[in-house]
Each structure stands twice: as C-alpha cells, then as structure tokens.
C-alpha cells in the first residue's frame, strides 16, 4: 500500500513527486480542444473558422490559479479592456508579409480592397494525447491568400506541461511551401500573445501605431489602476525599450489581484534569426519576430527575406511559460537550457 508522506507541507507519493495530469479533450461541435491540469482549465485550441477568426489560436490562457492572462476582447469582452487591434486574439503564429499577403492584420475589420490579406485555415487534428505532467496536440492548417491560393501548409505540435504553479506551452511549427514563397521583412510577426489589461504597462498618453500597410490604429490612454506589467529581456533591458531589441528570451512580470504573475517567451537556438527581435508593446502586444531585421533596426540591418522554394520547409519552435510567481534570471536560464533540447 502506497503512503503519502508530508514534509514541510509538501506532499510526496512514496518516493515520487506528486504528478499533475494534463488532459486534452476534443470538442468537435464547438471547434476546440480544451486543455486542463488536474481538472482545472489551462487553455483551449480554438478554430471557429475564417467567418469568425482568421486563424486558429490558443484562447484563453490561464495561470495555475485560474487567472486569465489573455485579453478577452473581441471574443469575450471584459470591463476596462482596450478595444484596439481585433486581430490580436490569444496566442497565435503568423506573419505580416508572405508573397505580399498580410496574414498578421487579417480580420473582418480591415478593408480587403485596399491591401492583400491571408487567412490560416485549420484543416485537421492529428494528435490528442493526455498524460502525467505533459499533453500533446497535433494540428494542421493551410495559409491561404484572399485570392484563394494556398501558399503554405502547416503542421504544428503543441506540448503542454505543468509543474507546481508553472505552466508551459511549447509550439513547434513546420511550414511547407506549396509554391515559391518569400517571408518578406516585416515588423509584424511571428509568435504573438495579447495580454490582459493588468499585465500591460501603465500608460499616460494615447498613442498611434501604424501597420505595414500604413493603416493607423489609435491606442487610448486608460485608467492605470491595477496595471502592473513590466518587460525584461535576457540582457536586462526593461519596459518599452525591449521593443526592437534582439534577445533569446523576454519575461513579463506583473500582479493580478494578489497573484504574482510571470509570462515568459523563449526563442530556440535552431530558429531562423536567433536571437530574434521583440515586437513587444506596453499596451499588451507581446510578440517575437525573427524576420524583421530591417524594420526593427530602422534600416541598419539588411532585410531578412526568407525564401522557400516549392516543397521546402521551415520549422520554428517557441516556448511560453506562465507562472504564478515572478521568474528570476536563473529560472529563465534554466528554462532556456531545457527548451534548447527540444527538437
């Protein structure tokens, strides 16, 4: 008979640390796959279709305590949130210029007669696997231009893991060219996350941000009560200054209610452009982009235009860590070392 031994309030199961179970449940009717840890919701892979959302995303994302770290609007609006950039939903991956088509800004809010856009169409679920400490989801998608041409096919593996009050999402995506494709240098890419209001930087003035097509979006100044976010990259650069800087990782610290929260994103040494540039804004956009060298450096660097001939592939790997405590630099280095072993 196994015994539970309690030492200093920490429970062990006869020589083995208590394992958290990561469970994935496919819900075809609602077009999603729910991910939970020990029965508590963590996130969902949702693919409602291009009439509702121009890409499949992970949404929402929660801490181990169940706190939402993603913005609700436009899917599930919450009081006090910003209502800018409707294409910023949950956690996603796309790019601002693929053969001249903008996959980043694609939404029903844009005028598709003025610029060329593209949608990422979910095409299938290949793996749904639950397990102790780790779960796995495999999905496929097509990158389709608004003209109806498939430019790329996508195969993505999500690895969801849990340890204590820490949750990890590893995304491994392979893109294969259906025709000759160029990812043109653009500041709008590649892996993006839109944060809850509490994790934004306090803002004292409205700002205007212009996308790659010259479309301007005004981001208003809001009440800063409870807004506590602060970026820091590997080199120790903090706040809005992380934008346009190269770094192997970035950590966002904040507090939501009484819960300390860290949301970290890590690059992988095998990725194109490593260490990549950061497209991280104080208003809640948190993104890493390996194909925007010229734009981020104001022309000092040569444009990184990644070409794939028909049939060629490119694989990118990213890790997102959500912790119910503030991660230290040594924590981040340990996470980075571990992630570097992911193939």
Protein backbone atom coordinates (compact mmCIF):
# COMPACT_ATOMS: atom_id res chain seq x y z
CA UNK A 1 0.00 0.00 0.00
CA UNK A 2 1.40 3.40 -1.02
CA UNK A 3 1.79 6.03 1.65
CA UNK A 4 1.56 9.77 1.42
CA UNK A 5 4.38 11.44 3.33
CA UNK A 6 4.12 15.14 4.24
CA UNK A 7 7.33 17.06 4.91
CA UNK A 8 7.18 20.83 5.47
CA UNK A 9 3.73 20.92 3.88
CA UNK A 10 4.85 19.38 0.58
CA UNK A 11 3.10 16.14 -0.44
CA UNK A 12 5.00 13.22 -1.91
CA UNK A 13 3.72 9.85 -3.10
CA UNK A 14 6.15 7.17 -1.85
CA UNK A 15 9.33 8.41 -3.42
CA UNK A 16 7.71 10.22 -6.35
CA UNK A 17 6.74 13.89 -6.56
CA UNK A 18 3.00 14.21 -6.99
CA UNK A 19 2.37 14.29 -10.75
CA UNK A 20 -0.08 16.75 -12.27
CA UNK A 21 -2.21 15.34 -15.07
CA UNK A 22 -2.53 17.30 -18.30
CA UNK A 23 -5.79 16.39 -20.03
CA UNK A 24 -6.83 17.26 -23.59
CA UNK A 25 -10.46 16.90 -24.66
CA UNK A 26 -11.57 17.42 -28.27
CA UNK A 27 -14.93 19.14 -28.76
CA UNK A 28 -15.78 18.94 -32.46
CA UNK A 29 -19.16 20.62 -32.07
CA UNK A 30 -17.60 23.75 -30.56
CA UNK A 31 -14.50 23.53 -32.78
CA UNK A 32 -11.97 23.44 -29.99
CA UNK A 33 -9.69 21.27 -27.87
CA UNK A 34 -9.71 22.03 -24.15
CA UNK A 35 -6.53 21.66 -22.08
CA UNK A 36 -6.71 21.26 -18.31
CA UNK A 37 -4.31 20.47 -15.48
CA UNK A 38 -5.66 18.30 -12.67
CA UNK A 39 -9.15 19.20 -13.87
CA UNK A 40 -8.57 22.98 -13.86
CA UNK A 41 -8.80 24.80 -17.24
CA UNK A 42 -5.48 25.96 -18.69
CA UNK A 43 -6.20 26.91 -22.30
CA UNK A 44 -8.11 25.87 -25.42
CA UNK A 45 -7.11 25.45 -29.06
CA UNK A 46 -9.98 27.12 -30.93
CA UNK A 47 -10.66 27.06 -34.67
CA UNK A 48 -14.07 28.74 -35.22
CA UNK A 49 -13.38 29.38 -38.91
CA UNK A 50 -12.49 32.46 -41.01
CA UNK A 51 -16.00 33.91 -40.75
CA UNK A 52 -15.26 34.46 -37.03
CA UNK A 53 -11.46 34.37 -36.69
CA UNK A 54 -8.84 34.39 -39.44
CA UNK A 55 -6.59 31.86 -37.69
CA UNK A 56 -6.72 29.14 -35.05
CA UNK A 57 -5.34 30.27 -31.67
CA UNK A 58 -4.86 29.23 -28.08
CA UNK A 59 -7.50 31.16 -26.15
CA UNK A 60 -7.87 31.96 -23.34
CA UNK A 61 -4.69 31.22 -21.37
CA UNK A 62 -4.78 30.95 -17.56
CA UNK A 63 -2.36 30.67 -14.67
CA UNK A 64 -2.34 27.68 -12.32
CA UNK A 65 -4.70 29.66 -10.10
CA UNK A 66 -7.14 30.11 -12.96
CA UNK A 67 -6.34 33.78 -13.60
CA UNK A 68 -6.73 34.96 -17.20
CA UNK A 69 -3.51 36.35 -18.69
CA UNK A 70 -5.00 36.98 -22.17
CA UNK A 71 -7.23 39.87 -23.21
CA UNK A 72 -10.92 38.98 -23.58
CA UNK A 73 -11.90 41.40 -26.36
CA UNK A 74 -13.13 40.81 -29.05
CA UNK A 75 -14.10 37.22 -28.15
CA UNK A 76 -15.27 37.72 -24.54
CA UNK A 77 -15.01 41.44 -23.62
CA UNK A 78 -14.21 42.37 -20.04
CA UNK A 79 -14.70 45.80 -18.39
CA UNK A 80 -11.80 48.23 -18.74
CA UNK A 81 -10.08 46.45 -21.63
CA UNK A 82 -8.64 48.07 -24.72
CA UNK A 83 -10.61 47.55 -27.94
CA UNK A 84 -7.83 48.03 -30.50
CA UNK A 85 -6.29 45.55 -32.97
CA UNK A 86 -9.11 42.98 -33.28
CA UNK A 87 -6.67 40.50 -34.85
CA UNK A 88 -4.80 40.20 -31.51
CA UNK A 89 -6.55 37.16 -30.02
CA UNK A 90 -4.96 34.77 -27.53
CA UNK A 91 -1.67 33.15 -28.62
CA UNK A 92 -1.06 32.85 -32.35
CA UNK A 93 1.57 32.49 -35.09
CA UNK A 94 1.52 34.27 -38.47
CA UNK A 95 3.42 36.92 -40.46
CA UNK A 96 2.79 40.35 -41.94
CA UNK A 97 4.10 39.74 -45.47
CA UNK A 98 4.10 36.39 -47.24
CA UNK A 99 4.35 36.89 -51.02
CA UNK A 100 2.79 40.30 -50.42
CA UNK A 101 -0.15 38.96 -48.39
CA UNK A 102 -0.67 40.18 -44.83
CA UNK A 103 -1.60 37.32 -42.50
CA UNK A 104 -0.91 39.31 -39.31
CA UNK A 105 -3.53 42.06 -39.63
CA UNK A 106 -6.21 39.93 -41.25
CA UNK A 107 -9.65 40.38 -39.69
CA UNK A 108 -13.16 41.41 -40.66
CA UNK A 109 -12.27 44.94 -39.51
CA UNK A 110 -9.91 45.59 -42.44
CA UNK A 111 -10.77 46.75 -45.96
CA UNK A 112 -9.62 43.89 -48.20
CA UNK A 113 -9.96 46.01 -51.32
CA UNK A 114 -7.07 48.27 -50.26
CA UNK A 115 -4.49 45.64 -49.28
CA UNK A 116 -3.91 41.92 -49.78
CA UNK A 117 -4.59 39.69 -46.79
CA UNK A 118 -4.41 36.00 -45.99
CA UNK A 119 -6.14 33.56 -43.65
CA UNK A 120 -4.80 30.49 -41.85
CA UNK A 121 -7.41 27.77 -42.23
CA UNK A 122 -7.47 24.89 -39.73
CA UNK A 123 -7.55 21.62 -41.67
CA UNK A 124 -7.27 18.88 -39.08
CA UNK A 125 -6.31 17.43 -35.70
CA UNK A 126 -3.69 14.69 -35.88
CA UNK A 127 -2.86 14.03 -32.21
CA UNK A 128 -4.73 14.46 -28.93
CA UNK A 129 -2.75 12.94 -26.08
CA UNK A 130 -3.12 13.39 -22.32
CA UNK A 131 -0.58 12.37 -19.69
CA UNK A 132 1.17 12.96 -16.38
CA UNK A 133 2.92 16.33 -16.43
CA UNK A 134 2.57 16.63 -20.23
CA UNK A 135 -0.04 16.60 -23.00
CA UNK A 136 0.32 16.84 -26.77
CA UNK A 137 -1.82 18.29 -29.55
CA UNK A 138 -1.04 17.99 -33.26
CA UNK A 139 -2.88 20.14 -35.81
CA UNK A 140 -2.66 21.10 -39.48
CA UNK A 141 -3.59 24.26 -41.37
CA UNK A 142 -3.33 25.97 -44.76
CA UNK A 143 -2.08 29.53 -45.27
CA UNK A 144 -4.47 30.82 -47.94
CA UNK A 145 -4.38 34.16 -49.77
CA UNK A 146 -7.57 36.17 -50.19
CA UNK A 147 -7.39 35.10 -53.84
CA UNK A 148 -7.93 31.51 -52.70
CA UNK A 149 -4.37 30.23 -53.31
CA UNK A 150 -2.74 28.00 -50.71
CA UNK A 151 0.78 29.35 -50.16
CA UNK A 152 1.88 27.15 -47.26
CA UNK A 153 0.80 24.06 -45.39
CA UNK A 154 1.35 24.00 -41.63
CA UNK A 155 1.97 21.18 -39.19
CA UNK A 156 2.05 22.24 -35.54
CA UNK A 157 2.71 20.31 -32.36
CA UNK A 158 1.75 21.86 -29.03
CA UNK A 159 3.35 20.38 -25.90
CA UNK A 160 1.57 21.39 -22.69
CA UNK A 161 3.32 20.72 -19.39
CA UNK A 162 2.76 21.53 -15.73
CA UNK A 163 4.93 21.65 -12.64
CA UNK A 164 3.77 23.19 -9.39
CA UNK A 165 2.34 26.64 -10.13
CA UNK A 166 4.05 26.83 -13.51
CA UNK A 167 2.52 26.04 -16.92
CA UNK A 168 4.45 25.67 -20.19
CA UNK A 169 3.38 25.71 -23.84
CA UNK A 170 5.90 24.62 -26.46
CA UNK A 171 4.84 25.31 -30.04
CA UNK A 172 6.73 23.54 -32.84
CA UNK A 173 5.53 24.58 -36.30
CA UNK A 174 6.71 23.37 -39.70
CA UNK A 175 5.68 25.44 -42.72
CA UNK A 176 6.00 23.89 -46.18
CA UNK A 177 5.78 25.95 -49.37
CA UNK A 178 3.07 24.90 -51.84
CA UNK A 179 4.58 27.33 -54.34
CA UNK A 180 7.69 29.51 -54.18
CA UNK A 181 7.21 31.66 -51.09
CA UNK A 182 9.03 34.61 -49.53
CA UNK A 183 8.54 35.79 -45.97
CA UNK A 184 9.38 39.44 -46.58
CA UNK A 185 10.98 41.51 -43.82
CA UNK A 186 8.13 42.85 -41.66
CA UNK A 187 7.83 44.05 -38.09
CA UNK A 188 4.55 42.15 -37.77
CA UNK A 189 5.26 38.57 -36.78
CA UNK A 190 5.75 35.83 -35.78
CA UNK A 191 4.54 34.40 -32.48
CA UNK A 192 2.15 36.79 -30.74
CA UNK A 193 0.26 36.99 -27.46
CA UNK A 194 -2.26 39.68 -26.42
CA UNK A 195 -2.20 40.28 -22.70
CA UNK A 196 -4.84 41.05 -20.10
CA UNK A 197 -5.14 44.71 -19.10
CA UNK A 198 -3.47 44.09 -15.71
CA UNK A 199 -0.28 42.93 -17.44
CA UNK A 200 0.06 45.96 -19.70
CA UNK A 201 2.47 48.77 -18.86
CA UNK A 202 0.83 51.78 -17.21
CA UNK A 203 0.12 54.30 -19.99
CA UNK A 204 -0.07 58.07 -19.51
CA UNK A 205 -0.92 59.11 -23.08
CA UNK A 206 -2.70 57.85 -26.19
CA UNK A 207 -0.51 56.52 -29.00
CA UNK A 208 -0.92 55.73 -32.68
CA UNK A 209 0.62 52.59 -34.21
CA UNK A 210 0.85 52.08 -37.96
CA UNK A 211 0.92 48.65 -39.58
CA UNK A 212 2.94 47.54 -42.60
CA UNK A 213 0.18 48.74 -44.94
CA UNK A 214 0.12 52.25 -43.49
CA UNK A 215 -3.12 51.68 -41.54
CA UNK A 216 -3.03 53.63 -38.28
CA UNK A 217 -4.65 52.45 -35.04
CA UNK A 218 -5.08 54.80 -32.09
CA UNK A 219 -4.42 53.19 -28.70
CA UNK A 220 -6.10 55.19 -25.99
CA UNK A 221 -4.79 56.10 -22.53
CA UNK A 222 -6.86 54.30 -19.89
CA UNK A 223 -7.23 54.17 -16.12
CA UNK A 224 -3.99 52.62 -14.82
CA UNK A 225 -5.42 51.21 -11.59
CA UNK A 226 -4.20 47.63 -11.20
CA UNK A 227 -1.98 47.83 -14.31
CA UNK A 228 1.41 46.44 -13.29
CA UNK A 229 3.23 44.87 -16.26
CA UNK A 230 6.96 45.21 -16.90
CA UNK A 231 9.07 43.54 -19.60
CA UNK A 232 12.67 42.44 -19.09
CA UNK A 233 14.85 40.65 -21.66
CA UNK A 234 17.92 38.46 -21.16
CA UNK A 235 20.26 41.46 -21.43
CA UNK A 236 18.46 43.31 -18.63
CA UNK A 237 16.67 45.81 -20.88
CA UNK A 238 13.29 46.70 -19.36
CA UNK A 239 9.95 48.25 -20.22
CA UNK A 240 9.10 49.56 -23.68
CA UNK A 241 12.83 49.54 -24.52
CA UNK A 242 12.69 45.79 -25.21
CA UNK A 243 10.88 46.62 -28.47
CA UNK A 244 13.17 46.25 -31.47
CA UNK A 245 15.93 44.56 -29.46
CA UNK A 246 17.34 41.10 -30.09
CA UNK A 247 17.19 38.66 -27.18
CA UNK A 248 16.90 34.94 -26.56
CA UNK A 249 14.06 35.46 -24.09
CA UNK A 250 11.78 38.03 -22.52
CA UNK A 251 9.89 37.87 -19.24
CA UNK A 252 6.85 39.95 -18.35
CA UNK A 253 6.17 40.41 -14.64
CA UNK A 254 3.00 41.77 -13.09
CA UNK A 255 0.40 41.27 -10.41
CA UNK A 256 -3.25 40.41 -10.94
CA UNK A 257 -5.19 40.88 -7.74
CA UNK A 258 -2.94 39.32 -5.11
CA UNK A 259 -1.30 36.88 -7.54
CA UNK A 260 2.23 37.48 -8.78
CA UNK A 261 2.43 36.51 -12.45
CA UNK A 262 5.24 35.95 -14.94
CA UNK A 263 4.63 35.36 -18.65
CA UNK A 264 7.84 34.47 -20.48
CA UNK A 265 8.50 33.76 -24.15
CA UNK A 266 11.67 31.96 -25.23
CA UNK A 267 13.37 31.70 -28.61
CA UNK A 268 15.07 28.46 -29.71
CA UNK A 269 18.71 28.29 -30.90
CA UNK A 270 17.67 26.35 -34.03
CA UNK A 271 15.21 29.07 -35.15
CA UNK A 272 15.87 31.40 -38.06
CA UNK A 273 17.27 34.74 -36.89
CA UNK A 274 18.13 33.56 -33.37
CA UNK A 275 18.13 35.53 -31.16
CA UNK A 276 15.10 37.23 -32.68
CA UNK A 277 13.76 40.76 -32.38
CA UNK A 278 10.92 41.57 -29.98
CA UNK A 279 7.70 43.21 -31.11
CA UNK A 280 6.60 43.85 -27.51
CA UNK A 281 4.44 46.87 -26.77
CA UNK A 282 3.36 48.33 -23.45
CA UNK A 283 -0.31 48.22 -24.49
CA UNK A 284 -0.33 44.42 -24.32
CA UNK A 285 1.08 43.06 -27.58
CA UNK A 286 3.83 40.55 -26.72
CA UNK A 287 5.50 39.08 -29.81
CA UNK A 288 8.78 37.68 -31.08
CA UNK A 289 9.79 38.04 -34.72
CA UNK A 290 12.82 36.51 -36.48
CA UNK A 291 12.07 38.10 -39.87
CA UNK A 292 12.00 41.86 -39.32
CA UNK A 293 15.68 42.84 -39.14
CA UNK A 294 15.48 45.88 -41.42
CA UNK A 295 12.28 47.28 -39.89
CA UNK A 296 13.39 46.89 -36.28
CA UNK A 297 16.84 48.35 -36.91
CA UNK A 298 15.49 51.32 -38.95
CA UNK A 299 17.41 50.10 -41.96
CA UNK A 300 20.74 49.48 -40.22
CA UNK A 301 20.41 45.74 -40.74
CA UNK A 302 19.84 44.01 -44.06
CA UNK A 303 16.28 42.87 -44.73
CA UNK A 304 15.73 39.25 -43.75
CA UNK A 305 13.61 37.89 -46.58
CA UNK A 306 13.27 34.15 -46.01
CA UNK A 307 12.65 32.27 -49.25
CA UNK A 308 11.21 28.78 -49.51
CA UNK A 309 11.16 27.08 -52.88
CA UNK A 310 8.14 24.92 -53.68
CA UNK A 311 8.32 21.86 -51.42
CA UNK A 312 10.85 23.37 -48.98
CA UNK A 313 10.07 23.65 -45.28
CA UNK A 314 10.95 25.83 -42.31
CA UNK A 315 10.47 24.84 -38.66
CA UNK A 316 10.20 27.28 -35.76
CA UNK A 317 9.99 26.50 -32.05
CA UNK A 318 8.79 28.77 -29.24
CA UNK A 319 8.16 28.30 -25.53
CA UNK A 320 5.62 30.25 -23.45
CA UNK A 321 5.82 30.00 -19.66
CA UNK A 322 3.01 31.12 -17.35
CA UNK A 323 3.98 31.15 -13.67
CA UNK A 324 2.08 32.17 -10.54
CA UNK A 325 5.27 33.73 -9.20
CA UNK A 326 7.94 36.02 -10.58
CA UNK A 327 10.62 34.18 -12.53
CA UNK A 328 14.23 35.02 -11.73
CA UNK A 329 17.01 35.33 -14.31
CA UNK A 330 18.33 31.95 -13.18
CA UNK A 331 14.85 30.47 -13.63
CA UNK A 332 14.80 31.83 -17.16
CA UNK A 333 18.24 30.45 -17.99
CA UNK A 334 17.19 27.03 -16.70
CA UNK A 335 14.03 27.15 -18.82
CA UNK A 336 16.06 28.23 -21.85
CA UNK A 337 18.58 25.42 -21.35
CA UNK A 338 15.78 22.87 -21.09
CA UNK A 339 14.00 24.28 -24.14
CA UNK A 340 17.17 24.16 -26.25
CA UNK A 341 16.95 20.34 -26.05
CA UNK A 342 13.51 20.30 -27.72
CA UNK A 343 13.81 19.08 -31.30
